[in-house]
Amino acid sequence: MSLQSRLAILLLLTASAIVAQIHSDTHSADYRAMQQKLAWLKANAARAHPDPKPIDLTEPEVNAYFSEGGVKLPQGVSHLRLSSHDAVIDGHANVDFEQIMQGRGSSNPLASLFSGSHDVHALAQATGANGTGTIRIQSVDFDGITIPQFALEWFVQHYITSKYPNVGLTSTFKLPLRIESAEVESGKVRLVQN
């Protein structure tokens, strides 16, 4: 085999390897950026003295991570999109209540509100300080119609808290990975570890 043939084969193999590498990672740059930040947070939390440098998780990164499979959404929830501003998280999703309720009907007339598939919009106040996070649902609407607070309380009590005991209209939880504070700002969440 001539030197030119060997070089041509080597170039072809190199080009094939590069193309295979490009196609092996089908995730967006925002998804990969979120992965890198999460890996850094995990490694930093394992240190004896974590670096307190703030890490910003941006809306595009968080949304890419959710939409590209970084977080498994509950059955019946799809197309989740989040935005943020001044301690408020603004969420939109498509929710199929039949899948969430899994055939567990109710004779309560409130159950009729939670049937079928709806575009759901929720606003929640979110804070994180002293290693503790709190999320308070402020309002929820289905297809543009506001759901009364008492109806939300009934649904959460009967169908959400029974599956996820620490989740309610107000949820308080320990922040993971030695995160001391989480500040919701316009377009991002700023995390500080300690």
Protein backbone atom coordinates (compact mmCIF):
# COMPACT_ATOMS: atom_id res chain seq x y z
CA MET A 1 0.00 0.00 0.00
CA SER A 2 1.40 3.35 -0.98
CA LEU A 3 2.06 6.18 1.45
CA GLN A 4 -0.72 8.21 -0.19
CA SER A 5 -3.20 5.36 0.30
CA ARG A 6 -2.22 5.04 3.95
CA LEU A 7 -2.63 8.78 4.48
CA ALA A 8 -5.99 8.75 2.73
CA ILE A 9 -7.20 5.88 4.95
CA LEU A 10 -5.86 7.62 8.06
CA LEU A 11 -7.64 10.86 7.11
CA LEU A 12 -10.85 8.95 6.40
CA LEU A 13 -10.69 7.17 9.77
CA THR A 14 -9.94 10.46 11.57
CA ALA A 15 -12.84 12.21 9.82
CA SER A 16 -15.16 9.29 10.68
CA ALA A 17 -14.11 9.45 14.34
CA ILE A 18 -14.75 13.21 14.45
CA VAL A 19 -18.19 12.83 12.84
CA ALA A 20 -19.04 9.96 15.23
CA GLN A 21 -18.03 12.12 18.21
CA ILE A 22 -20.15 15.03 17.00
CA HIS A 23 -23.19 12.79 16.51
CA SER A 24 -22.71 10.85 19.76
CA ASP A 25 -23.66 13.87 21.87
CA THR A 26 -27.06 14.99 20.69
CA HIS A 27 -27.51 17.39 23.59
CA SER A 28 -27.43 21.15 23.15
CA ALA A 29 -24.63 23.41 24.38
CA ASP A 30 -26.98 24.67 27.14
CA TYR A 31 -27.62 21.11 28.33
CA ARG A 32 -23.88 20.38 28.42
CA ALA A 33 -23.23 23.67 30.27
CA MET A 34 -25.80 22.64 32.89
CA GLN A 35 -24.17 19.20 33.21
CA GLN A 36 -20.78 20.83 33.76
CA LYS A 37 -22.16 23.17 36.41
CA LEU A 38 -23.88 20.31 38.25
CA ALA A 39 -20.65 18.27 38.14
CA TRP A 40 -18.76 21.27 39.55
CA LEU A 41 -21.33 21.70 42.34
CA LYS A 42 -21.01 18.00 43.27
CA ALA A 43 -17.21 18.11 43.27
CA ASN A 44 -17.19 21.37 45.23
CA ALA A 45 -19.60 19.94 47.84
CA ALA A 46 -17.18 17.04 48.41
CA ARG A 47 -14.37 19.42 49.41
CA ALA A 48 -13.57 20.05 53.07
CA HIS A 49 -13.98 23.78 52.40
CA PRO A 50 -16.17 24.41 49.33
CA ASP A 51 -15.37 27.37 47.11
CA PRO A 52 -18.09 29.98 47.91
CA LYS A 53 -17.92 31.41 44.37
CA PRO A 54 -21.51 31.85 43.12
CA ILE A 55 -22.71 29.62 40.28
CA ASP A 56 -25.47 30.91 38.01
CA LEU A 57 -27.89 28.44 36.42
CA THR A 58 -29.45 30.28 33.48
CA GLU A 59 -32.95 29.84 32.07
CA PRO A 60 -31.69 28.36 28.77
CA GLU A 61 -29.50 25.85 30.65
CA VAL A 62 -32.24 24.78 33.05
CA ASN A 63 -34.84 24.49 30.28
CA ALA A 64 -32.48 22.48 28.06
CA TYR A 65 -31.71 20.17 30.98
CA PHE A 66 -35.42 19.51 31.57
CA SER A 67 -36.41 19.20 27.92
CA GLU A 68 -33.47 16.97 26.94
CA GLY A 69 -33.96 14.40 29.69
CA GLY A 70 -31.65 15.60 32.47
CA VAL A 71 -34.57 15.39 34.89
CA LYS A 72 -37.29 12.77 34.69
CA LEU A 73 -40.59 14.63 34.88
CA PRO A 74 -43.55 13.05 36.67
CA GLN A 75 -45.82 10.96 34.47
CA GLY A 76 -48.32 13.23 32.73
CA VAL A 77 -46.11 16.34 32.75
CA SER A 78 -44.45 17.45 29.52
CA HIS A 79 -43.08 20.51 27.73
CA LEU A 80 -41.96 22.19 30.96
CA ARG A 81 -40.55 25.71 30.49
CA LEU A 82 -39.31 27.87 33.36
CA SER A 83 -38.42 31.53 33.63
CA SER A 84 -37.48 33.61 36.65
CA HIS A 85 -37.52 37.13 37.98
CA ASP A 86 -37.18 38.74 41.41
CA ALA A 87 -37.67 35.63 43.63
CA VAL A 88 -40.47 34.30 41.38
CA ILE A 89 -40.38 31.21 39.21
CA ASP A 90 -42.80 31.26 36.28
CA GLY A 91 -43.55 27.78 34.96
CA HIS A 92 -45.50 26.51 31.96
CA ALA A 93 -46.19 22.85 31.16
CA ASN A 94 -48.65 20.55 29.50
CA VAL A 95 -50.29 18.36 32.14
CA ASP A 96 -52.38 15.26 31.47
CA PHE A 97 -54.36 14.88 34.69
CA GLU A 98 -55.65 11.42 33.72
CA GLN A 99 -52.06 10.14 33.89
CA ILE A 100 -51.39 11.91 37.18
CA MET A 101 -54.56 10.61 38.80
CA GLN A 102 -54.04 7.11 37.31
CA GLY A 103 -57.71 6.22 37.37
CA ARG A 104 -58.17 7.30 41.00
CA GLY A 105 -61.38 9.20 40.49
CA SER A 106 -63.34 11.01 43.13
CA SER A 107 -66.96 11.82 43.74
CA ASN A 108 -65.92 15.31 44.85
CA PRO A 109 -67.08 17.89 42.28
CA LEU A 110 -63.64 19.50 42.44
CA ALA A 111 -62.24 16.46 40.64
CA SER A 112 -63.88 17.60 37.41
CA LEU A 113 -61.49 20.60 37.31
CA PHE A 114 -58.56 18.18 37.19
CA SER A 115 -59.45 16.10 34.16
CA GLY A 116 -58.09 15.97 30.65
CA SER A 117 -54.96 17.65 29.37
CA HIS A 118 -54.30 21.35 30.01
CA ASP A 119 -51.69 24.01 29.47
CA VAL A 120 -50.78 24.84 33.06
CA HIS A 121 -49.17 28.10 34.15
CA ALA A 122 -47.91 28.45 37.72
CA LEU A 123 -46.22 31.28 39.60
CA ALA A 124 -44.22 30.44 42.71
CA GLN A 125 -42.15 32.45 45.14
CA ALA A 126 -38.80 30.70 45.65
CA THR A 127 -36.14 31.44 48.25
CA GLY A 128 -33.11 29.68 49.61
CA ALA A 129 -31.16 30.72 52.70
CA ASN A 130 -29.25 29.04 55.51
CA GLY A 131 -29.24 25.75 53.60
CA THR A 132 -33.04 25.62 53.33
CA GLY A 133 -35.20 26.17 50.25
CA THR A 134 -38.85 27.21 50.20
CA ILE A 135 -41.25 27.26 47.27
CA ARG A 136 -44.72 28.79 47.70
CA ILE A 137 -47.23 28.42 44.87
CA GLN A 138 -48.86 31.82 44.35
CA SER A 139 -51.25 31.04 41.49
CA VAL A 140 -52.10 28.37 38.94
CA ASP A 141 -54.19 28.60 35.82
CA PHE A 142 -55.34 25.99 33.31
CA ASP A 143 -55.68 27.19 29.73
CA GLY A 144 -55.77 30.79 31.01
CA ILE A 145 -58.41 30.22 33.73
CA THR A 146 -57.28 30.78 37.33
CA ILE A 147 -57.86 27.81 39.63
CA PRO A 148 -59.19 28.74 43.09
CA GLN A 149 -56.79 28.19 45.99
CA PHE A 150 -59.13 25.78 47.82
CA ALA A 151 -59.34 23.58 44.68
CA LEU A 152 -55.55 23.49 44.40
CA GLU A 153 -55.26 22.56 48.08
CA TRP A 154 -57.71 19.68 47.59
CA PHE A 155 -55.91 18.37 44.49
CA VAL A 156 -52.43 18.60 46.03
CA GLN A 157 -53.57 16.87 49.21
CA HIS A 158 -55.30 13.99 47.37
CA TYR A 159 -53.01 13.40 44.40
CA ILE A 160 -49.59 14.96 44.93
CA THR A 161 -48.72 14.77 48.63
CA SER A 162 -49.83 11.13 48.72
CA LYS A 163 -47.07 10.32 46.17
CA TYR A 164 -44.54 12.97 47.20
CA PRO A 165 -44.95 13.62 50.96
CA ASN A 166 -42.65 16.66 51.03
CA VAL A 167 -44.47 18.46 48.20
CA GLY A 168 -47.36 20.85 48.75
CA LEU A 169 -48.47 24.35 47.87
CA THR A 170 -45.68 25.40 50.22
CA SER A 171 -42.66 23.11 50.21
CA THR A 172 -39.65 23.55 52.48
CA PHE A 173 -36.59 21.36 52.00
CA LYS A 174 -32.87 21.10 52.74
CA LEU A 175 -30.84 22.41 49.81
CA PRO A 176 -28.57 19.69 48.38
CA LEU A 177 -24.81 19.72 47.77
CA ARG A 178 -24.03 22.05 50.69
CA ILE A 179 -25.82 24.90 48.93
CA GLU A 180 -26.16 27.68 51.46
CA SER A 181 -28.27 30.07 49.42
CA ALA A 182 -30.28 30.11 46.21
CA GLU A 183 -31.32 33.50 44.89
CA VAL A 184 -33.86 33.66 42.06
CA GLU A 185 -33.02 36.58 39.79
CA SER A 186 -34.15 37.67 36.36
CA GLY A 187 -33.17 34.88 33.97
CA LYS A 188 -31.13 32.84 36.43
CA VAL A 189 -30.76 31.24 39.83
CA ARG A 190 -27.57 32.07 41.73
CA LEU A 191 -26.29 29.31 44.04
CA VAL A 192 -23.67 29.69 46.77
CA GLN A 193 -22.14 26.71 48.57
CA ASN A 194 -20.64 26.75 52.04
